[in-house]
Amino acid sequence: MRLRPRFRPRAYDRALETTQSTARPDGTAYPTGWYVARFSRHLKRGQVVAVTFMSRHYALFRTRGGRVGMVESQCCHLGADLSRCGHVAGEHLVCGFHAWAFDRSGRCTDIPGQDRIPARAGQRSLPVMEQAGNIWFWHGEGPPHPLDTAAFADDRRRYVTLPGQVSVFHVDLLSVAEHVADLAHWPYSHQARELMEYVPVRDEGPHFEFRIQPAAARASRRMQRFFRPYALVTMAGPAATVFRAPTGPDIDRDRPAFAAILGASPVRNGVTFSTWRVAVRKLGPDLPLWPLNRLLAALVWLVAGPDAVCCGRRWAGNWRG
C-alpha cells in the first residue's frame, strides 16, 4: 500500500472525527442546493481529506493542477477508504491498495495490469466549484443551479476576502437555517439599536432574497455598532447566505462595501458544519494602497468576528477551528 503525503488535520477535522459513524445514510431528505464543504485555502494541491455530509463519507481532493474533486470514499473495487489511503497523482485520485485511478467525475481511468476497464468501475461524485474563497458542493437530483451569488468577491482587484472560523454545531440544519431570518436575536447578538424588519426582494424558485431594514419609517441610528441600517441577504443555498452591507438604502449586488458569506452543511442528523468569511471592498488599487486595504479588511473582520462567534455559542457543543 502506498502512503499518501501527510497533512496536518485542522481542529474541526479532529472534532468531526469524533462524530464519524459506519452507519448507512439515514434516509433524511436534505434540501437540494449548494453547500459549503471547506475553505479553499484548507485544501492544498495534492491533498485528500475525509469529509462527511448528509451521512455519506466522501474523499475531497485537489489535483496537482489545482482542481477539486469530491467522490464517495468507499472504493468500488474492494471497499478501501479512498479518503484515508488514497493519494493524488497528477489529475487523479489513486487508491492506496490496488492503484485504481479515478478522475474528478469519479470515472475509473486506469487499472494496473488491465487492458479493459469494467463499465461499472467508478465512484459516485458530486459537482463542486470554488467561489468567494469557499469550496461548494451540490446535493440533489438534476443539474446544479448556477451559483453566482458571491461571484463579486472573486474580483481581487476590488475585494479583500478573509476566512473566519469553522464550527461544528450539535443541532440540525433547520436550526441554523432559520437563524438567518430570525430578527429577534439582533438586539442581543448584533447590538441592533432599533427594531428591524425584513422585506422580501426576490422569491423565484431556488432564488430567495430579502432586505433587513429599520421597522420605523425613518432610521436615525445605525443598525449595529458599525454598519448602516440596511442589509441585503441572498440565499446561496438551503442554509448558505451572502449578507451584503451597502453604504446606503440602494441595492447594490455587485459592489457592496462589505459582505459576509455564511454557509452551513449537514454532517448528519444533529450535527451541522458551519463557516463564515468576509469580503471587503478595497479603497483603491493595491499598488499604492495595499497596507490600507488590508488594514480595513482586518478591522471589518474584527468587528464581524465577535458577532459570528456570539451566534455560534448560542448552541451547545460548539467547536471552533
C-alpha atoms as a PDB file:
ATOM      1  CA  MET A   1       0.000   0.000   0.000  1.00  0.00           C
ATOM      2  CA  ARG A   2       1.370   3.394  -0.980  1.00  0.00           C
ATOM      3  CA  LEU A   3       1.133   6.030   1.721  1.00  0.00           C
ATOM      4  CA  ARG A   4      -0.088   9.467   0.702  1.00  0.00           C
ATOM      5  CA  PRO A   5       1.665  12.688   1.806  1.00  0.00           C
ATOM      6  CA  ARG A   6       0.942  13.654   5.401  1.00  0.00           C
ATOM      7  CA  PHE A   7      -1.106  16.799   6.025  1.00  0.00           C
ATOM      8  CA  ARG A   8      -1.770  18.127   9.478  1.00  0.00           C
ATOM      9  CA  PRO A   9      -5.523  17.913  10.229  1.00  0.00           C
ATOM     10  CA  ARG A  10      -7.449  21.009  11.222  1.00  0.00           C
ATOM     11  CA  ALA A  11      -9.045  21.340  14.637  1.00  0.00           C
ATOM     12  CA  TYR A  12     -12.510  20.958  13.111  1.00  0.00           C
ATOM     13  CA  ASP A  13     -11.353  17.833  11.249  1.00  0.00           C
ATOM     14  CA  ARG A  14     -10.456  16.308  14.608  1.00  0.00           C
ATOM     15  CA  ALA A  15     -13.785  17.455  16.038  1.00  0.00           C
ATOM     16  CA  LEU A  16     -15.684  15.865  13.158  1.00  0.00           C
ATOM     17  CA  GLU A  17     -13.672  12.682  13.616  1.00  0.00           C
ATOM     18  CA  THR A  18     -15.471  12.147  16.919  1.00  0.00           C
ATOM     19  CA  THR A  19     -18.836  12.214  15.123  1.00  0.00           C
ATOM     20  CA  GLN A  20     -17.895   9.630  12.489  1.00  0.00           C
ATOM     21  CA  SER A  21     -20.046   6.550  12.167  1.00  0.00           C
ATOM     22  CA  THR A  22     -20.065   3.465   9.951  1.00  0.00           C
ATOM     23  CA  ALA A  23     -23.863   3.574   9.823  1.00  0.00           C
ATOM     24  CA  ARG A  24     -25.596   3.727   6.471  1.00  0.00           C
ATOM     25  CA  PRO A  25     -27.206   7.004   5.316  1.00  0.00           C
ATOM     26  CA  ASP A  26     -30.257   7.657   7.472  1.00  0.00           C
ATOM     27  CA  GLY A  27     -32.615   8.420   4.597  1.00  0.00           C
ATOM     28  CA  THR A  28     -33.183  12.046   5.590  1.00  0.00           C
ATOM     29  CA  ALA A  29     -34.369  14.165   2.633  1.00  0.00           C
ATOM     30  CA  TYR A  30     -31.941  17.071   2.809  1.00  0.00           C
ATOM     31  CA  PRO A  31     -32.813  20.161   0.727  1.00  0.00           C
ATOM     32  CA  THR A  32     -31.431  20.381  -2.785  1.00  0.00           C
ATOM     33  CA  GLY A  33     -28.841  23.069  -3.383  1.00  0.00           C
ATOM     34  CA  TRP A  34     -25.282  24.287  -2.876  1.00  0.00           C
ATOM     35  CA  TYR A  35     -23.452  23.670   0.408  1.00  0.00           C
ATOM     36  CA  VAL A  36     -20.035  24.716   1.707  1.00  0.00           C
ATOM     37  CA  ALA A  37     -17.527  21.881   2.089  1.00  0.00           C
ATOM     38  CA  ARG A  38     -14.400  23.737   3.199  1.00  0.00           C
ATOM     39  CA  PHE A  39     -12.380  26.916   2.875  1.00  0.00           C
ATOM     40  CA  SER A  40     -10.407  26.756  -0.372  1.00  0.00           C
ATOM     41  CA  ARG A  41      -7.155  27.545   1.435  1.00  0.00           C
ATOM     42  CA  HIS A  42      -7.679  24.500   3.676  1.00  0.00           C
ATOM     43  CA  LEU A  43      -7.291  22.088   0.760  1.00  0.00           C
ATOM     44  CA  LYS A  44      -3.780  22.141  -0.680  1.00  0.00           C
ATOM     45  CA  ARG A  45      -2.682  20.772  -4.026  1.00  0.00           C
ATOM     46  CA  GLY A  46      -2.192  17.025  -3.732  1.00  0.00           C
ATOM     47  CA  GLN A  47      -4.221  16.822  -0.513  1.00  0.00           C
ATOM     48  CA  VAL A  48      -7.037  14.368   0.243  1.00  0.00           C
ATOM     49  CA  VAL A  49      -9.337  14.887   3.234  1.00  0.00           C
ATOM     50  CA  ALA A  50     -12.161  12.809   4.669  1.00  0.00           C
ATOM     51  CA  VAL A  51     -15.492  14.665   4.835  1.00  0.00           C
ATOM     52  CA  THR A  52     -18.979  13.545   5.789  1.00  0.00           C
ATOM     53  CA  PHE A  53     -22.134  15.276   4.607  1.00  0.00           C
ATOM     54  CA  MET A  54     -25.722  14.011   4.574  1.00  0.00           C
ATOM     55  CA  SER A  55     -24.460  10.887   6.414  1.00  0.00           C
ATOM     56  CA  ARG A  56     -22.284   9.923   3.447  1.00  0.00           C
ATOM     57  CA  HIS A  57     -18.491   9.678   3.518  1.00  0.00           C
ATOM     58  CA  TYR A  58     -16.529  11.400   0.757  1.00  0.00           C
ATOM     59  CA  ALA A  59     -12.943  11.929  -0.309  1.00  0.00           C
ATOM     60  CA  LEU A  60     -12.396  15.620  -1.060  1.00  0.00           C
ATOM     61  CA  PHE A  61      -9.182  16.190  -3.010  1.00  0.00           C
ATOM     62  CA  ARG A  62      -7.298  18.794  -5.003  1.00  0.00           C
ATOM     63  CA  THR A  63      -5.345  17.709  -8.059  1.00  0.00           C
ATOM     64  CA  ARG A  64      -1.810  18.833  -8.838  1.00  0.00           C
ATOM     65  CA  GLY A  65      -3.348  21.236 -11.333  1.00  0.00           C
ATOM     66  CA  GLY A  66      -5.429  22.845  -8.581  1.00  0.00           C
ATOM     67  CA  ARG A  67      -8.880  21.477  -9.433  1.00  0.00           C
ATOM     68  CA  VAL A  68     -11.173  19.993  -6.778  1.00  0.00           C
ATOM     69  CA  GLY A  69     -12.990  16.663  -6.814  1.00  0.00           C
ATOM     70  CA  MET A  70     -15.378  15.026  -4.353  1.00  0.00           C
ATOM     71  CA  VAL A  71     -16.151  11.302  -4.645  1.00  0.00           C
ATOM     72  CA  GLU A  72     -17.634   8.701  -2.324  1.00  0.00           C
ATOM     73  CA  SER A  73     -14.859   7.362  -0.161  1.00  0.00           C
ATOM     74  CA  GLN A  74     -15.579   3.601  -0.380  1.00  0.00           C
ATOM     75  CA  CYS A  75     -13.643   2.277  -3.357  1.00  0.00           C
ATOM     76  CA  CYS A  76     -15.831   0.417  -5.844  1.00  0.00           C
ATOM     77  CA  HIS A  77     -13.197  -2.314  -6.135  1.00  0.00           C
ATOM     78  CA  LEU A  78     -12.838  -3.889  -2.675  1.00  0.00           C
ATOM     79  CA  GLY A  79     -14.133  -1.153  -0.403  1.00  0.00           C
ATOM     80  CA  ALA A  80     -10.923   0.608   0.646  1.00  0.00           C
ATOM     81  CA  ASP A  81     -11.401   4.092   2.121  1.00  0.00           C
ATOM     82  CA  LEU A  82     -10.108   6.481  -0.522  1.00  0.00           C
ATOM     83  CA  SER A  83     -10.193   9.398   1.914  1.00  0.00           C
ATOM     84  CA  ARG A  84      -7.698   7.582   4.180  1.00  0.00           C
ATOM     85  CA  CYS A  85      -5.474   5.596   1.836  1.00  0.00           C
ATOM     86  CA  GLY A  86      -5.940   7.470  -1.434  1.00  0.00           C
ATOM     87  CA  HIS A  87      -3.340   9.851  -2.852  1.00  0.00           C
ATOM     88  CA  VAL A  88      -3.283  12.351  -5.709  1.00  0.00           C
ATOM     89  CA  ALA A  89      -1.292  11.556  -8.836  1.00  0.00           C
ATOM     90  CA  GLY A  90      -1.493  14.322 -11.392  1.00  0.00           C
ATOM     91  CA  GLU A  91      -5.189  14.947 -12.005  1.00  0.00           C
ATOM     92  CA  HIS A  92      -6.397  11.695 -10.456  1.00  0.00           C
ATOM     93  CA  LEU A  93      -7.190  10.176  -7.077  1.00  0.00           C
ATOM     94  CA  VAL A  94      -5.433   6.826  -6.750  1.00  0.00           C
ATOM     95  CA  CYS A  95      -6.452   4.069  -4.345  1.00  0.00           C
ATOM     96  CA  GLY A  96      -3.646   3.133  -1.966  1.00  0.00           C
ATOM     97  CA  PHE A  97      -4.356  -0.613  -2.125  1.00  0.00           C
ATOM     98  CA  HIS A  98      -4.561  -1.563  -5.815  1.00  0.00           C
ATOM     99  CA  ALA A  99      -3.802   1.763  -7.546  1.00  0.00           C
ATOM    100  CA  TRP A 100      -7.124   2.158  -9.317  1.00  0.00           C
ATOM    101  CA  ALA A 101      -7.169   5.748 -10.587  1.00  0.00           C
ATOM    102  CA  PHE A 102     -10.275   7.964 -10.646  1.00  0.00           C
ATOM    103  CA  ASP A 103     -10.798  11.364 -12.206  1.00  0.00           C
ATOM    104  CA  ARG A 104     -12.792  14.187 -10.601  1.00  0.00           C
ATOM    105  CA  SER A 105     -16.055  12.848 -12.066  1.00  0.00           C
ATOM    106  CA  GLY A 106     -15.424   9.502 -10.331  1.00  0.00           C
ATOM    107  CA  ARG A 107     -14.695   7.644 -13.579  1.00  0.00           C
ATOM    108  CA  CYS A 108     -12.036   4.947 -13.305  1.00  0.00           C
ATOM    109  CA  THR A 109      -9.318   5.734 -15.836  1.00  0.00           C
ATOM    110  CA  ASP A 110      -6.643   3.170 -15.047  1.00  0.00           C
ATOM    111  CA  ILE A 111      -6.343  -0.309 -13.508  1.00  0.00           C
ATOM    112  CA  PRO A 112      -2.737  -1.544 -13.380  1.00  0.00           C
ATOM    113  CA  GLY A 113      -2.224  -4.697 -15.407  1.00  0.00           C
ATOM    114  CA  GLN A 114      -5.652  -4.496 -17.061  1.00  0.00           C
ATOM    115  CA  ASP A 115      -6.318  -3.572 -20.689  1.00  0.00           C
ATOM    116  CA  ARG A 116     -10.060  -3.141 -20.191  1.00  0.00           C
ATOM    117  CA  ILE A 117     -11.821  -1.113 -17.519  1.00  0.00           C
ATOM    118  CA  PRO A 118     -15.229  -2.503 -16.452  1.00  0.00           C
ATOM    119  CA  ALA A 119     -18.160  -0.254 -17.304  1.00  0.00           C
ATOM    120  CA  ARG A 120     -19.274  -0.110 -13.653  1.00  0.00           C
ATOM    121  CA  ALA A 121     -15.835   0.816 -12.332  1.00  0.00           C
ATOM    122  CA  GLY A 122     -16.379   4.264 -10.906  1.00  0.00           C
ATOM    123  CA  GLN A 123     -17.193   6.336  -7.849  1.00  0.00           C
ATOM    124  CA  ARG A 124     -20.278   8.453  -7.190  1.00  0.00           C
ATOM    125  CA  SER A 125     -19.185  12.066  -7.372  1.00  0.00           C
ATOM    126  CA  LEU A 126     -20.724  15.427  -6.521  1.00  0.00           C
ATOM    127  CA  PRO A 127     -20.457  18.610  -8.580  1.00  0.00           C
ATOM    128  CA  VAL A 128     -18.064  21.039  -6.909  1.00  0.00           C
ATOM    129  CA  MET A 129     -16.921  24.580  -7.575  1.00  0.00           C
ATOM    130  CA  GLU A 130     -14.939  27.317  -5.856  1.00  0.00           C
ATOM    131  CA  GLN A 131     -16.311  30.781  -5.221  1.00  0.00           C
ATOM    132  CA  ALA A 132     -15.535  33.553  -2.738  1.00  0.00           C
ATOM    133  CA  GLY A 133     -12.782  31.514  -1.104  1.00  0.00           C
ATOM    134  CA  ASN A 134     -15.053  28.517  -0.396  1.00  0.00           C
ATOM    135  CA  ILE A 135     -15.368  25.033  -1.888  1.00  0.00           C
ATOM    136  CA  TRP A 136     -19.054  24.377  -2.649  1.00  0.00           C
ATOM    137  CA  PHE A 137     -20.708  21.050  -3.476  1.00  0.00           C
ATOM    138  CA  TRP A 138     -24.100  20.335  -4.993  1.00  0.00           C
ATOM    139  CA  HIS A 139     -26.571  17.996  -3.309  1.00  0.00           C
ATOM    140  CA  GLY A 140     -29.698  16.877  -5.140  1.00  0.00           C
ATOM    141  CA  GLU A 141     -31.036  15.470  -8.367  1.00  0.00           C
ATOM    142  CA  GLY A 142     -30.656  17.106 -11.733  1.00  0.00           C
ATOM    143  CA  PRO A 143     -28.064  19.598 -12.945  1.00  0.00           C
ATOM    144  CA  PRO A 144     -26.829  22.182 -10.421  1.00  0.00           C
ATOM    145  CA  HIS A 145     -28.339  25.638 -10.413  1.00  0.00           C
ATOM    146  CA  PRO A 146     -25.880  28.406 -11.342  1.00  0.00           C
ATOM    147  CA  LEU A 147     -24.002  29.733  -8.328  1.00  0.00           C
ATOM    148  CA  ASP A 148     -23.090  33.380  -8.784  1.00  0.00           C
ATOM    149  CA  THR A 149     -24.372  34.934  -5.562  1.00  0.00           C
ATOM    150  CA  ALA A 150     -20.905  35.722  -4.215  1.00  0.00           C
ATOM    151  CA  ALA A 151     -19.022  35.932  -7.513  1.00  0.00           C
ATOM    152  CA  PHE A 152     -18.211  39.604  -6.895  1.00  0.00           C
ATOM    153  CA  ALA A 153     -15.872  38.557  -4.059  1.00  0.00           C
ATOM    154  CA  ASP A 154     -13.609  36.752  -6.560  1.00  0.00           C
ATOM    155  CA  ASP A 155     -12.604  40.079  -8.101  1.00  0.00           C
ATOM    156  CA  ARG A 156      -9.246  40.559  -6.409  1.00  0.00           C
ATOM    157  CA  ARG A 157      -8.837  43.998  -7.923  1.00  0.00           C
ATOM    158  CA  ARG A 158     -11.805  45.220  -5.873  1.00  0.00           C
ATOM    159  CA  TYR A 159     -12.084  42.928  -2.848  1.00  0.00           C
ATOM    160  CA  VAL A 160     -10.075  41.501   0.002  1.00  0.00           C
ATOM    161  CA  THR A 161     -11.548  38.271   1.408  1.00  0.00           C
ATOM    162  CA  LEU A 162     -10.635  36.870   4.807  1.00  0.00           C
ATOM    163  CA  PRO A 163     -11.745  33.491   6.212  1.00  0.00           C
ATOM    164  CA  GLY A 164     -13.453  33.444   9.571  1.00  0.00           C
ATOM    165  CA  GLN A 165     -13.948  30.297  11.597  1.00  0.00           C
ATOM    166  CA  VAL A 166     -15.281  26.796  11.108  1.00  0.00           C
ATOM    167  CA  SER A 167     -17.719  25.478  13.706  1.00  0.00           C
ATOM    168  CA  VAL A 168     -19.360  22.131  14.348  1.00  0.00           C
ATOM    169  CA  PHE A 169     -22.814  22.538  15.888  1.00  0.00           C
ATOM    170  CA  HIS A 170     -24.753  19.786  17.637  1.00  0.00           C
ATOM    171  CA  VAL A 171     -28.016  20.887  16.051  1.00  0.00           C
ATOM    172  CA  ASP A 172     -29.960  20.053  12.906  1.00  0.00           C
ATOM    173  CA  LEU A 173     -29.566  22.094   9.727  1.00  0.00           C
ATOM    174  CA  LEU A 174     -33.011  23.669  10.155  1.00  0.00           C
ATOM    175  CA  SER A 175     -31.991  25.357  13.403  1.00  0.00           C
ATOM    176  CA  VAL A 176     -29.076  27.095  11.655  1.00  0.00           C
ATOM    177  CA  ALA A 177     -31.063  27.969   8.519  1.00  0.00           C
ATOM    178  CA  GLU A 178     -33.910  29.561  10.469  1.00  0.00           C
ATOM    179  CA  HIS A 179     -31.447  31.714  12.359  1.00  0.00           C
ATOM    180  CA  VAL A 180     -30.732  33.700   9.186  1.00  0.00           C
ATOM    181  CA  ALA A 181     -34.247  35.186   9.071  1.00  0.00           C
ATOM    182  CA  ASP A 182     -34.661  35.488  12.826  1.00  0.00           C
ATOM    183  CA  LEU A 183     -34.737  39.183  13.698  1.00  0.00           C
ATOM    184  CA  ALA A 184     -35.404  38.645  17.402  1.00  0.00           C
ATOM    185  CA  HIS A 185     -31.732  37.848  18.053  1.00  0.00           C
ATOM    186  CA  TRP A 186     -30.397  41.071  16.523  1.00  0.00           C
ATOM    187  CA  PRO A 187     -30.610  43.270  19.656  1.00  0.00           C
ATOM    188  CA  TYR A 188     -28.745  40.647  21.685  1.00  0.00           C
ATOM    189  CA  SER A 189     -26.262  39.092  19.260  1.00  0.00           C
ATOM    190  CA  HIS A 190     -25.616  42.010  16.890  1.00  0.00           C
ATOM    191  CA  GLN A 191     -26.279  45.014  19.125  1.00  0.00           C
ATOM    192  CA  ALA A 192     -29.062  46.404  16.933  1.00  0.00           C
ATOM    193  CA  ARG A 193     -30.221  49.744  18.319  1.00  0.00           C
ATOM    194  CA  GLU A 194     -33.756  49.748  16.966  1.00  0.00           C
ATOM    195  CA  LEU A 195     -36.487  47.394  15.798  1.00  0.00           C
ATOM    196  CA  MET A 196     -35.744  45.684  12.483  1.00  0.00           C
ATOM    197  CA  GLU A 197     -37.918  44.101   9.793  1.00  0.00           C
ATOM    198  CA  TYR A 198     -37.235  42.106   6.666  1.00  0.00           C
ATOM    199  CA  VAL A 199     -38.851  42.681   3.293  1.00  0.00           C
ATOM    200  CA  PRO A 200     -38.734  40.032   0.506  1.00  0.00           C
ATOM    201  CA  VAL A 201     -36.972  41.323  -2.594  1.00  0.00           C
ATOM    202  CA  ARG A 202     -36.867  38.182  -4.754  1.00  0.00           C
ATOM    203  CA  ASP A 203     -38.685  34.873  -4.409  1.00  0.00           C
ATOM    204  CA  GLU A 204     -38.314  32.789  -7.575  1.00  0.00           C
ATOM    205  CA  GLY A 205     -37.882  29.051  -7.155  1.00  0.00           C
ATOM    206  CA  PRO A 206     -34.469  28.418  -5.562  1.00  0.00           C
ATOM    207  CA  HIS A 207     -33.695  32.143  -5.515  1.00  0.00           C
ATOM    208  CA  PHE A 208     -34.718  33.962  -2.360  1.00  0.00           C
ATOM    209  CA  GLU A 209     -33.541  37.360  -1.250  1.00  0.00           C
ATOM    210  CA  PHE A 210     -34.712  39.743   1.434  1.00  0.00           C
ATOM    211  CA  ARG A 211     -33.741  43.078   2.855  1.00  0.00           C
ATOM    212  CA  ILE A 212     -33.217  43.888   6.531  1.00  0.00           C
ATOM    213  CA  GLN A 213     -34.133  47.447   7.420  1.00  0.00           C
ATOM    214  CA  PRO A 214     -35.428  49.533  10.319  1.00  0.00           C
ATOM    215  CA  ALA A 215     -39.065  48.946  11.181  1.00  0.00           C
ATOM    216  CA  ALA A 216     -39.598  52.699  11.609  1.00  0.00           C
ATOM    217  CA  ALA A 217     -40.198  54.961   8.626  1.00  0.00           C
ATOM    218  CA  ARG A 218     -37.036  56.913   9.362  1.00  0.00           C
ATOM    219  CA  ALA A 219     -33.825  55.465  10.742  1.00  0.00           C
ATOM    220  CA  SER A 220     -31.763  57.833  12.818  1.00  0.00           C
ATOM    221  CA  ARG A 221     -29.270  55.289  14.073  1.00  0.00           C
ATOM    222  CA  ARG A 222     -27.038  52.618  12.697  1.00  0.00           C
ATOM    223  CA  MET A 223     -28.340  49.056  12.648  1.00  0.00           C
ATOM    224  CA  GLN A 224     -25.290  47.861  14.541  1.00  0.00           C
ATOM    225  CA  ARG A 225     -22.255  49.424  16.104  1.00  0.00           C
ATOM    226  CA  PHE A 226     -20.526  49.616  12.705  1.00  0.00           C
ATOM    227  CA  PHE A 227     -22.928  49.140   9.779  1.00  0.00           C
ATOM    228  CA  ARG A 228     -25.668  51.390   8.484  1.00  0.00           C
ATOM    229  CA  PRO A 229     -29.292  50.281   8.986  1.00  0.00           C
ATOM    230  CA  TYR A 230     -29.688  48.390   5.722  1.00  0.00           C
ATOM    231  CA  ALA A 231     -28.640  44.919   4.611  1.00  0.00           C
ATOM    232  CA  LEU A 232     -29.398  42.632   1.678  1.00  0.00           C
ATOM    233  CA  VAL A 233     -29.465  38.897   2.404  1.00  0.00           C
ATOM    234  CA  THR A 234     -29.301  36.478  -0.547  1.00  0.00           C
ATOM    235  CA  MET A 235     -29.691  32.729  -0.126  1.00  0.00           C
ATOM    236  CA  ALA A 236     -26.836  30.987  -1.917  1.00  0.00           C
ATOM    237  CA  GLY A 237     -28.082  27.565  -0.792  1.00  0.00           C
ATOM    238  CA  PRO A 238     -30.566  25.981   1.608  1.00  0.00           C
ATOM    239  CA  ALA A 239     -28.507  27.247   4.564  1.00  0.00           C
ATOM    240  CA  ALA A 240     -25.881  29.434   2.896  1.00  0.00           C
ATOM    241  CA  THR A 241     -26.247  33.199   2.731  1.00  0.00           C
ATOM    242  CA  VAL A 242     -24.499  36.281   1.448  1.00  0.00           C
ATOM    243  CA  PHE A 243     -25.076  39.230   3.766  1.00  0.00           C
ATOM    244  CA  ARG A 244     -24.348  42.490   1.936  1.00  0.00           C
ATOM    245  CA  ALA A 245     -23.992  45.766   3.823  1.00  0.00           C
ATOM    246  CA  PRO A 246     -24.329  48.641   1.333  1.00  0.00           C
ATOM    247  CA  THR A 247     -23.327  52.209   2.045  1.00  0.00           C
ATOM    248  CA  GLY A 248     -26.923  53.413   1.663  1.00  0.00           C
ATOM    249  CA  PRO A 249     -30.504  52.291   1.071  1.00  0.00           C
ATOM    250  CA  ASP A 250     -29.968  51.450  -2.611  1.00  0.00           C
ATOM    251  CA  ILE A 251     -29.493  47.781  -3.505  1.00  0.00           C
ATOM    252  CA  ASP A 252     -26.020  47.072  -4.859  1.00  0.00           C
ATOM    253  CA  ARG A 253     -25.379  43.378  -5.500  1.00  0.00           C
ATOM    254  CA  ASP A 254     -22.144  43.720  -7.454  1.00  0.00           C
ATOM    255  CA  ARG A 255     -20.187  46.241  -5.393  1.00  0.00           C
ATOM    256  CA  PRO A 256     -21.232  46.141  -1.737  1.00  0.00           C
ATOM    257  CA  ALA A 257     -18.944  47.878   0.720  1.00  0.00           C
ATOM    258  CA  PHE A 258     -18.882  44.744   2.845  1.00  0.00           C
ATOM    259  CA  ALA A 259     -20.239  41.201   2.617  1.00  0.00           C
ATOM    260  CA  ALA A 260     -20.316  38.224   4.948  1.00  0.00           C
ATOM    261  CA  ILE A 261     -20.546  34.790   3.319  1.00  0.00           C
ATOM    262  CA  LEU A 262     -22.007  32.177   5.670  1.00  0.00           C
ATOM    263  CA  GLY A 263     -22.533  28.506   4.962  1.00  0.00           C
ATOM    264  CA  ALA A 264     -23.998  25.578   6.895  1.00  0.00           C
ATOM    265  CA  SER A 265     -23.912  21.954   5.748  1.00  0.00           C
ATOM    266  CA  PRO A 266     -25.469  18.902   7.444  1.00  0.00           C
ATOM    267  CA  VAL A 267     -22.994  16.251   8.520  1.00  0.00           C
ATOM    268  CA  ARG A 268     -25.836  14.041   9.746  1.00  0.00           C
ATOM    269  CA  ASN A 269     -28.947  14.487  11.844  1.00  0.00           C
ATOM    270  CA  GLY A 270     -27.954  16.543  14.865  1.00  0.00           C
ATOM    271  CA  VAL A 271     -24.542  17.643  13.550  1.00  0.00           C
ATOM    272  CA  THR A 272     -24.028  20.687  11.299  1.00  0.00           C
ATOM    273  CA  PHE A 273     -20.824  22.096   9.806  1.00  0.00           C
ATOM    274  CA  SER A 274     -20.756  25.901   9.545  1.00  0.00           C
ATOM    275  CA  THR A 275     -18.366  28.552   8.176  1.00  0.00           C
ATOM    276  CA  TRP A 276     -18.197  32.309   7.723  1.00  0.00           C
ATOM    277  CA  ARG A 277     -15.885  34.718   5.933  1.00  0.00           C
ATOM    278  CA  VAL A 278     -15.867  38.395   4.954  1.00  0.00           C
ATOM    279  CA  ALA A 279     -15.278  40.291   1.711  1.00  0.00           C
ATOM    280  CA  VAL A 280     -14.342  43.990   1.987  1.00  0.00           C
ATOM    281  CA  ARG A 281     -14.222  46.402  -0.930  1.00  0.00           C
ATOM    282  CA  LYS A 282     -10.823  47.990  -1.395  1.00  0.00           C
ATOM    283  CA  LEU A 283     -10.245  51.717  -1.043  1.00  0.00           C
ATOM    284  CA  GLY A 284      -8.339  51.736  -4.299  1.00  0.00           C
ATOM    285  CA  PRO A 285      -5.662  49.887  -6.319  1.00  0.00           C
ATOM    286  CA  ASP A 286      -3.343  47.682  -4.290  1.00  0.00           C
ATOM    287  CA  LEU A 287      -0.155  49.181  -5.706  1.00  0.00           C
ATOM    288  CA  PRO A 288      -0.275  52.393  -3.623  1.00  0.00           C
ATOM    289  CA  LEU A 289      -2.936  51.333  -1.076  1.00  0.00           C
ATOM    290  CA  TRP A 290      -2.012  47.755  -0.204  1.00  0.00           C
ATOM    291  CA  PRO A 291      -1.467  48.401   3.557  1.00  0.00           C
ATOM    292  CA  LEU A 292      -4.687  50.416   3.886  1.00  0.00           C
ATOM    293  CA  ASN A 293      -6.754  47.805   2.043  1.00  0.00           C
ATOM    294  CA  ARG A 294      -5.506  45.022   4.326  1.00  0.00           C
ATOM    295  CA  LEU A 295      -5.941  47.137   7.428  1.00  0.00           C
ATOM    296  CA  LEU A 296      -9.532  47.972   6.505  1.00  0.00           C
ATOM    297  CA  ALA A 297     -10.327  44.306   5.845  1.00  0.00           C
ATOM    298  CA  ALA A 298      -8.767  43.297   9.165  1.00  0.00           C
ATOM    299  CA  LEU A 299     -10.785  45.922  11.056  1.00  0.00           C
ATOM    300  CA  VAL A 300     -14.049  44.734   9.482  1.00  0.00           C
ATOM    301  CA  TRP A 301     -13.099  41.125  10.262  1.00  0.00           C
ATOM    302  CA  LEU A 302     -12.546  42.069  13.895  1.00  0.00           C
ATOM    303  CA  VAL A 303     -15.981  43.710  14.045  1.00  0.00           C
ATOM    304  CA  ALA A 304     -17.816  40.889  12.254  1.00  0.00           C
ATOM    305  CA  GLY A 305     -15.947  38.080  14.031  1.00  0.00           C
ATOM    306  CA  PRO A 306     -17.335  38.517  17.553  1.00  0.00           C
ATOM    307  CA  ASP A 307     -20.883  38.690  16.157  1.00  0.00           C
ATOM    308  CA  ALA A 308     -20.437  35.421  14.282  1.00  0.00           C
ATOM    309  CA  VAL A 309     -18.821  33.701  17.246  1.00  0.00           C
ATOM    310  CA  CYS A 310     -21.514  35.013  19.582  1.00  0.00           C
ATOM    311  CA  CYS A 311     -24.216  33.437  17.422  1.00  0.00           C
ATOM    312  CA  GLY A 312     -22.269  30.167  17.361  1.00  0.00           C
ATOM    313  CA  ARG A 313     -22.049  30.000  21.116  1.00  0.00           C
ATOM    314  CA  ARG A 314     -25.832  30.002  21.375  1.00  0.00           C
ATOM    315  CA  TRP A 315     -25.681  26.288  20.557  1.00  0.00           C
ATOM    316  CA  ALA A 316     -24.196  23.754  22.949  1.00  0.00           C
ATOM    317  CA  GLY A 317     -21.305  21.536  21.972  1.00  0.00           C
ATOM    318  CA  ASN A 318     -19.682  24.049  19.624  1.00  0.00           C
ATOM    319  CA  TRP A 319     -16.076  23.509  18.495  1.00  0.00           C
ATOM    320  CA  ARG A 320     -14.127  26.130  16.632  1.00  0.00           C
ATOM    321  CA  GLY A 321     -11.073  25.500  14.498  1.00  0.00           C
END
